[in-house]
Amino acid sequence: MVIKNVSLDIVCGITSKLPDTGRPEVAFAGKSNVGKSSLINGLMNRKSLARTSSQPGKTQTINFYNVNECMYLVDLPGYGYAKVSQSEKEKWGKMIENYLHTSKTLKAVFLLIDIRHEPSANDKMMYDWIVHQGYEPIIIATKLDKLKRSQIQKNLKLIKEGLKLRPGTVVIPFSAETKQGREEIWALIDELTGFGPAATEEA
């Protein structure tokens, strides 16, 4: 995908009606501070399209990024240790669930897991939940540059075992610093949305 233009088109809060965009969508889920905003900025080749924050739980809305007027990257609220009340967390959960249920054009859900740590209980719950909604999550192992090369395979194995990944699940290590993994993620998105090299010019 050659990024010609990109914009934050739609922002949905807890009470917003979810849009029917009519375009292919891919969604990104992950716990607070796993590097979701950095990943989206990295994919878009933009420094600050998605606001990054050292404060967990900043993304409290579902953000729809319009790419080339032909598809949407959808940023879901972070889960985990954000300093919000239980009732607020439940509302976010309902909002994400509602989105996964109602989007007519959602092609895939990417689940971000910090490669440095074993998956948390929240990560496991989110993975099982996405599977339960009928999707096969694609795992992005973030913060790759924080590991020594010799540790990578061991930590990827921890993620696969910790989440009890289904056979054949795609796992892509990613670094926002070096952009390693970016091309692989885009190749997958292109394939899923039909905008890959095999797609016709009209697409």
C-alpha atoms as a PDB file:
ATOM      1  CA  MET A   1       0.000   0.000   0.000  1.00  0.00           C
ATOM      2  CA  VAL A   2       1.437   3.340  -1.031  1.00  0.00           C
ATOM      3  CA  ILE A   3       0.068   5.895   1.423  1.00  0.00           C
ATOM      4  CA  LYS A   4      -1.108   8.899  -0.575  1.00  0.00           C
ATOM      5  CA  ASN A   5      -3.314  10.477   2.038  1.00  0.00           C
ATOM      6  CA  VAL A   6      -4.555   9.592   5.474  1.00  0.00           C
ATOM      7  CA  SER A   7      -6.828  11.308   7.965  1.00  0.00           C
ATOM      8  CA  LEU A   8      -8.633  10.666  11.229  1.00  0.00           C
ATOM      9  CA  ASP A   9     -12.140  10.603   9.794  1.00  0.00           C
ATOM     10  CA  ILE A  10     -14.473   9.326  12.487  1.00  0.00           C
ATOM     11  CA  VAL A  11     -14.224   9.246  16.286  1.00  0.00           C
ATOM     12  CA  CYS A  12     -16.809   7.197  18.200  1.00  0.00           C
ATOM     13  CA  GLY A  13     -17.328   7.596  21.911  1.00  0.00           C
ATOM     14  CA  ILE A  14     -19.342   5.381  24.230  1.00  0.00           C
ATOM     15  CA  THR A  15     -22.651   6.924  23.174  1.00  0.00           C
ATOM     16  CA  SER A  16     -21.862   7.366  19.467  1.00  0.00           C
ATOM     17  CA  LYS A  17     -23.617   5.391  16.786  1.00  0.00           C
ATOM     18  CA  LEU A  18     -21.076   3.283  14.937  1.00  0.00           C
ATOM     19  CA  PRO A  19     -20.633   4.227  11.289  1.00  0.00           C
ATOM     20  CA  ASP A  20     -21.260   2.046   8.275  1.00  0.00           C
ATOM     21  CA  THR A  21     -18.193   3.168   6.325  1.00  0.00           C
ATOM     22  CA  GLY A  22     -18.833   1.031   3.266  1.00  0.00           C
ATOM     23  CA  ARG A  23     -15.074   0.433   2.993  1.00  0.00           C
ATOM     24  CA  PRO A  24     -12.872  -2.447   4.143  1.00  0.00           C
ATOM     25  CA  GLU A  25     -11.730  -2.077   7.748  1.00  0.00           C
ATOM     26  CA  VAL A  26      -8.975  -3.682   9.816  1.00  0.00           C
ATOM     27  CA  ALA A  27      -8.997  -3.167  13.576  1.00  0.00           C
ATOM     28  CA  PHE A  28      -6.177  -2.953  16.130  1.00  0.00           C
ATOM     29  CA  ALA A  29      -6.670  -4.069  19.729  1.00  0.00           C
ATOM     30  CA  GLY A  30      -4.186  -4.198  22.574  1.00  0.00           C
ATOM     31  CA  LYS A  31      -3.723  -3.312  26.187  1.00  0.00           C
ATOM     32  CA  SER A  32      -2.861   0.191  27.290  1.00  0.00           C
ATOM     33  CA  ASN A  33       0.727   1.186  26.507  1.00  0.00           C
ATOM     34  CA  VAL A  34       1.413  -1.788  24.206  1.00  0.00           C
ATOM     35  CA  GLY A  35       2.368   0.610  21.401  1.00  0.00           C
ATOM     36  CA  LYS A  36      -0.835   0.817  19.374  1.00  0.00           C
ATOM     37  CA  SER A  37      -0.515   4.515  18.521  1.00  0.00           C
ATOM     38  CA  SER A  38       3.161   4.034  17.619  1.00  0.00           C
ATOM     39  CA  LEU A  39       2.223   1.118  15.356  1.00  0.00           C
ATOM     40  CA  ILE A  40      -0.469   3.128  13.574  1.00  0.00           C
ATOM     41  CA  ASN A  41       1.897   6.084  13.125  1.00  0.00           C
ATOM     42  CA  GLY A  42       4.547   3.668  11.834  1.00  0.00           C
ATOM     43  CA  LEU A  43       2.147   2.079   9.351  1.00  0.00           C
ATOM     44  CA  MET A  44       1.063   5.488   8.084  1.00  0.00           C
ATOM     45  CA  ASN A  45       4.574   6.958   7.960  1.00  0.00           C
ATOM     46  CA  ARG A  46       3.364   9.780  10.185  1.00  0.00           C
ATOM     47  CA  LYS A  47       4.959  11.000  13.378  1.00  0.00           C
ATOM     48  CA  SER A  48       1.893  11.980  15.340  1.00  0.00           C
ATOM     49  CA  LEU A  49      -1.273  11.006  13.544  1.00  0.00           C
ATOM     50  CA  ALA A  50      -2.267   8.771  16.449  1.00  0.00           C
ATOM     51  CA  ARG A  51      -1.412  10.483  19.715  1.00  0.00           C
ATOM     52  CA  THR A  52       1.074   8.472  21.745  1.00  0.00           C
ATOM     53  CA  SER A  53       1.058   8.839  25.480  1.00  0.00           C
ATOM     54  CA  SER A  54       3.047   7.525  28.419  1.00  0.00           C
ATOM     55  CA  GLN A  55      -0.223   7.588  30.335  1.00  0.00           C
ATOM     56  CA  PRO A  56      -2.116   4.326  29.836  1.00  0.00           C
ATOM     57  CA  GLY A  57      -5.724   4.382  28.720  1.00  0.00           C
ATOM     58  CA  LYS A  58      -5.572   7.557  26.652  1.00  0.00           C
ATOM     59  CA  THR A  59      -7.511   6.121  23.719  1.00  0.00           C
ATOM     60  CA  GLN A  60     -11.077   6.071  25.009  1.00  0.00           C
ATOM     61  CA  THR A  61     -12.758   6.194  21.637  1.00  0.00           C
ATOM     62  CA  ILE A  62     -12.844   4.076  18.504  1.00  0.00           C
ATOM     63  CA  ASN A  63     -10.831   6.009  15.923  1.00  0.00           C
ATOM     64  CA  PHE A  64     -11.295   5.414  12.197  1.00  0.00           C
ATOM     65  CA  TYR A  65      -8.294   6.384  10.050  1.00  0.00           C
ATOM     66  CA  ASN A  66      -9.145   6.820   6.383  1.00  0.00           C
ATOM     67  CA  VAL A  67      -6.314   5.557   4.155  1.00  0.00           C
ATOM     68  CA  ASN A  68      -6.256   6.721   0.517  1.00  0.00           C
ATOM     69  CA  GLU A  69     -10.058   7.104   0.566  1.00  0.00           C
ATOM     70  CA  CYS A  70     -10.279   3.336   0.102  1.00  0.00           C
ATOM     71  CA  MET A  71     -10.042   1.639   3.518  1.00  0.00           C
ATOM     72  CA  TYR A  72      -9.999   2.272   7.275  1.00  0.00           C
ATOM     73  CA  LEU A  73      -7.559   1.363  10.021  1.00  0.00           C
ATOM     74  CA  VAL A  74      -9.621   1.213  13.215  1.00  0.00           C
ATOM     75  CA  ASP A  75      -7.955   1.913  16.567  1.00  0.00           C
ATOM     76  CA  LEU A  76      -9.861   0.307  19.466  1.00  0.00           C
ATOM     77  CA  PRO A  77      -9.582   1.559  23.074  1.00  0.00           C
ATOM     78  CA  GLY A  78      -6.719   0.026  25.062  1.00  0.00           C
ATOM     79  CA  TYR A  79      -7.635  -2.431  27.790  1.00  0.00           C
ATOM     80  CA  GLY A  80      -5.842  -3.324  30.996  1.00  0.00           C
ATOM     81  CA  TYR A  81      -4.509  -1.114  33.713  1.00  0.00           C
ATOM     82  CA  ALA A  82      -5.908   2.249  32.665  1.00  0.00           C
ATOM     83  CA  LYS A  83      -6.927   4.251  35.718  1.00  0.00           C
ATOM     84  CA  VAL A  84     -10.634   4.176  35.068  1.00  0.00           C
ATOM     85  CA  SER A  85     -13.545   2.752  36.996  1.00  0.00           C
ATOM     86  CA  GLN A  86     -14.846  -0.755  36.419  1.00  0.00           C
ATOM     87  CA  SER A  87     -18.091   0.602  34.994  1.00  0.00           C
ATOM     88  CA  GLU A  88     -16.115   2.714  32.506  1.00  0.00           C
ATOM     89  CA  LYS A  89     -14.103  -0.345  31.450  1.00  0.00           C
ATOM     90  CA  GLU A  90     -17.318  -2.295  30.968  1.00  0.00           C
ATOM     91  CA  LYS A  91     -18.643   0.475  28.721  1.00  0.00           C
ATOM     92  CA  TRP A  92     -15.475   0.313  26.588  1.00  0.00           C
ATOM     93  CA  GLY A  93     -15.839  -3.471  26.445  1.00  0.00           C
ATOM     94  CA  LYS A  94     -19.428  -3.108  25.250  1.00  0.00           C
ATOM     95  CA  MET A  95     -18.331  -0.512  22.704  1.00  0.00           C
ATOM     96  CA  ILE A  96     -15.627  -2.818  21.265  1.00  0.00           C
ATOM     97  CA  GLU A  97     -17.999  -5.779  21.288  1.00  0.00           C
ATOM     98  CA  ASN A  98     -20.641  -3.715  19.538  1.00  0.00           C
ATOM     99  CA  TYR A  99     -18.119  -2.714  16.877  1.00  0.00           C
ATOM    100  CA  LEU A 100     -16.934  -6.304  16.280  1.00  0.00           C
ATOM    101  CA  HIS A 101     -20.555  -7.413  16.014  1.00  0.00           C
ATOM    102  CA  THR A 102     -21.913  -4.670  13.808  1.00  0.00           C
ATOM    103  CA  SER A 103     -19.147  -3.711  11.364  1.00  0.00           C
ATOM    104  CA  LYS A 104     -20.201  -5.016   7.969  1.00  0.00           C
ATOM    105  CA  THR A 105     -16.761  -4.556   6.427  1.00  0.00           C
ATOM    106  CA  LEU A 106     -14.304  -5.608   9.172  1.00  0.00           C
ATOM    107  CA  LYS A 107     -11.771  -7.918   7.504  1.00  0.00           C
ATOM    108  CA  ALA A 108      -9.430  -8.707  10.388  1.00  0.00           C
ATOM    109  CA  VAL A 109      -8.489  -7.905  13.968  1.00  0.00           C
ATOM    110  CA  PHE A 110      -4.820  -7.399  14.876  1.00  0.00           C
ATOM    111  CA  LEU A 111      -4.030  -8.025  18.537  1.00  0.00           C
ATOM    112  CA  LEU A 112      -0.901  -6.318  19.883  1.00  0.00           C
ATOM    113  CA  ILE A 113       1.144  -8.100  22.554  1.00  0.00           C
ATOM    114  CA  ASP A 114       4.332  -6.727  24.162  1.00  0.00           C
ATOM    115  CA  ILE A 115       7.064  -9.169  23.067  1.00  0.00           C
ATOM    116  CA  ARG A 116       9.067  -8.528  26.265  1.00  0.00           C
ATOM    117  CA  HIS A 117       6.519 -10.102  28.594  1.00  0.00           C
ATOM    118  CA  GLU A 118       4.435 -13.200  28.881  1.00  0.00           C
ATOM    119  CA  PRO A 119       0.818 -12.455  27.839  1.00  0.00           C
ATOM    120  CA  SER A 120      -1.196 -11.082  30.753  1.00  0.00           C
ATOM    121  CA  ALA A 121      -4.586 -12.367  31.903  1.00  0.00           C
ATOM    122  CA  ASN A 122      -6.115  -9.411  30.043  1.00  0.00           C
ATOM    123  CA  ASP A 123      -4.262 -10.371  26.849  1.00  0.00           C
ATOM    124  CA  LYS A 124      -5.520 -13.956  27.093  1.00  0.00           C
ATOM    125  CA  MET A 125      -9.056 -12.777  27.745  1.00  0.00           C
ATOM    126  CA  MET A 126      -8.933 -10.414  24.754  1.00  0.00           C
ATOM    127  CA  TYR A 127      -7.563 -13.110  22.446  1.00  0.00           C
ATOM    128  CA  ASP A 128     -10.251 -15.620  23.476  1.00  0.00           C
ATOM    129  CA  TRP A 129     -12.903 -12.933  23.203  1.00  0.00           C
ATOM    130  CA  ILE A 130     -11.910 -11.933  19.645  1.00  0.00           C
ATOM    131  CA  VAL A 131     -11.935 -15.619  18.638  1.00  0.00           C
ATOM    132  CA  HIS A 132     -15.360 -15.950  20.283  1.00  0.00           C
ATOM    133  CA  GLN A 133     -16.607 -13.041  18.128  1.00  0.00           C
ATOM    134  CA  GLY A 134     -15.728 -15.113  15.066  1.00  0.00           C
ATOM    135  CA  TYR A 135     -12.374 -13.579  14.114  1.00  0.00           C
ATOM    136  CA  GLU A 136      -8.925 -15.152  13.819  1.00  0.00           C
ATOM    137  CA  PRO A 137      -6.716 -12.528  15.504  1.00  0.00           C
ATOM    138  CA  ILE A 138      -3.395 -11.725  13.849  1.00  0.00           C
ATOM    139  CA  ILE A 139      -0.780 -11.184  16.569  1.00  0.00           C
ATOM    140  CA  ILE A 140       1.636  -8.266  16.388  1.00  0.00           C
ATOM    141  CA  ALA A 141       4.481  -8.658  18.885  1.00  0.00           C
ATOM    142  CA  THR A 142       5.441  -5.039  19.630  1.00  0.00           C
ATOM    143  CA  LYS A 143       8.591  -3.423  21.072  1.00  0.00           C
ATOM    144  CA  LEU A 144      10.869  -5.811  19.184  1.00  0.00           C
ATOM    145  CA  ASP A 145      13.823  -3.401  19.413  1.00  0.00           C
ATOM    146  CA  LYS A 146      13.793  -3.724  23.231  1.00  0.00           C
ATOM    147  CA  LEU A 147      14.943  -7.355  23.018  1.00  0.00           C
ATOM    148  CA  LYS A 148      18.301  -8.863  22.197  1.00  0.00           C
ATOM    149  CA  ARG A 149      18.182 -10.850  18.972  1.00  0.00           C
ATOM    150  CA  SER A 150      18.915 -14.057  20.892  1.00  0.00           C
ATOM    151  CA  GLN A 151      15.754 -13.608  22.999  1.00  0.00           C
ATOM    152  CA  ILE A 152      13.266 -13.146  20.152  1.00  0.00           C
ATOM    153  CA  GLN A 153      12.387 -16.768  19.364  1.00  0.00           C
ATOM    154  CA  LYS A 154      12.066 -17.680  23.054  1.00  0.00           C
ATOM    155  CA  ASN A 155       9.707 -14.758  23.672  1.00  0.00           C
ATOM    156  CA  LEU A 156       7.620 -15.472  20.574  1.00  0.00           C
ATOM    157  CA  LYS A 157       7.213 -19.019  21.882  1.00  0.00           C
ATOM    158  CA  LEU A 158       6.009 -17.599  25.232  1.00  0.00           C
ATOM    159  CA  ILE A 159       3.359 -15.567  23.402  1.00  0.00           C
ATOM    160  CA  LYS A 160       2.209 -18.571  21.338  1.00  0.00           C
ATOM    161  CA  GLU A 161       2.006 -20.802  24.394  1.00  0.00           C
ATOM    162  CA  GLY A 162       0.644 -18.130  26.719  1.00  0.00           C
ATOM    163  CA  LEU A 163      -2.267 -17.277  24.417  1.00  0.00           C
ATOM    164  CA  LYS A 164      -2.726 -20.928  23.331  1.00  0.00           C
ATOM    165  CA  LEU A 165      -2.709 -19.683  19.748  1.00  0.00           C
ATOM    166  CA  ARG A 166      -4.563 -21.754  17.221  1.00  0.00           C
ATOM    167  CA  PRO A 167      -2.331 -23.544  14.704  1.00  0.00           C
ATOM    168  CA  GLY A 168      -1.576 -21.344  11.723  1.00  0.00           C
ATOM    169  CA  THR A 169      -2.062 -18.051  13.615  1.00  0.00           C
ATOM    170  CA  VAL A 170       0.095 -15.334  12.074  1.00  0.00           C
ATOM    171  CA  VAL A 171       2.530 -13.660  14.501  1.00  0.00           C
ATOM    172  CA  ILE A 172       4.466 -10.612  13.257  1.00  0.00           C
ATOM    173  CA  PRO A 173       7.263  -9.097  15.384  1.00  0.00           C
ATOM    174  CA  PHE A 174       7.215  -5.282  15.062  1.00  0.00           C
ATOM    175  CA  SER A 175       9.423  -2.379  16.093  1.00  0.00           C
ATOM    176  CA  ALA A 176       8.158   1.201  15.952  1.00  0.00           C
ATOM    177  CA  GLU A 177      11.806   2.318  16.131  1.00  0.00           C
ATOM    178  CA  THR A 178      13.226   0.345  13.209  1.00  0.00           C
ATOM    179  CA  LYS A 179       9.904  -0.269  11.383  1.00  0.00           C
ATOM    180  CA  GLN A 180      10.747  -3.967  11.206  1.00  0.00           C
ATOM    181  CA  GLY A 181       7.521  -5.832  10.480  1.00  0.00           C
ATOM    182  CA  ARG A 182       5.834  -2.870   8.774  1.00  0.00           C
ATOM    183  CA  GLU A 183       6.040  -4.337   5.263  1.00  0.00           C
ATOM    184  CA  GLU A 184       4.698  -7.693   6.454  1.00  0.00           C
ATOM    185  CA  ILE A 185       1.731  -6.062   8.181  1.00  0.00           C
ATOM    186  CA  TRP A 186       0.902  -3.995   5.097  1.00  0.00           C
ATOM    187  CA  ALA A 187       1.221  -7.040   2.824  1.00  0.00           C
ATOM    188  CA  LEU A 188      -1.316  -8.802   5.019  1.00  0.00           C
ATOM    189  CA  ILE A 189      -3.668  -5.796   5.135  1.00  0.00           C
ATOM    190  CA  ASP A 190      -3.458  -5.440   1.345  1.00  0.00           C
ATOM    191  CA  GLU A 191      -4.317  -9.109   0.943  1.00  0.00           C
ATOM    192  CA  LEU A 192      -7.199  -8.961   3.433  1.00  0.00           C
ATOM    193  CA  THR A 193      -8.755  -5.814   1.993  1.00  0.00           C
ATOM    194  CA  GLY A 194      -8.237  -6.745  -1.633  1.00  0.00           C
ATOM    195  CA  PHE A 195      -5.813  -3.888  -2.325  1.00  0.00           C
ATOM    196  CA  GLY A 196      -2.785  -6.099  -2.831  1.00  0.00           C
ATOM    197  CA  PRO A 197      -0.723  -6.386  -6.005  1.00  0.00           C
ATOM    198  CA  ALA A 198      -3.258  -8.863  -7.373  1.00  0.00           C
ATOM    199  CA  ALA A 199      -6.120  -6.375  -7.040  1.00  0.00           C
ATOM    200  CA  THR A 200      -7.300  -4.592 -10.129  1.00  0.00           C
ATOM    201  CA  GLU A 201      -6.656  -0.919 -10.765  1.00  0.00           C
ATOM    202  CA  GLU A 202     -10.342  -0.134 -10.151  1.00  0.00           C
ATOM    203  CA  ALA A 203     -10.010  -1.311  -6.553  1.00  0.00           C
END
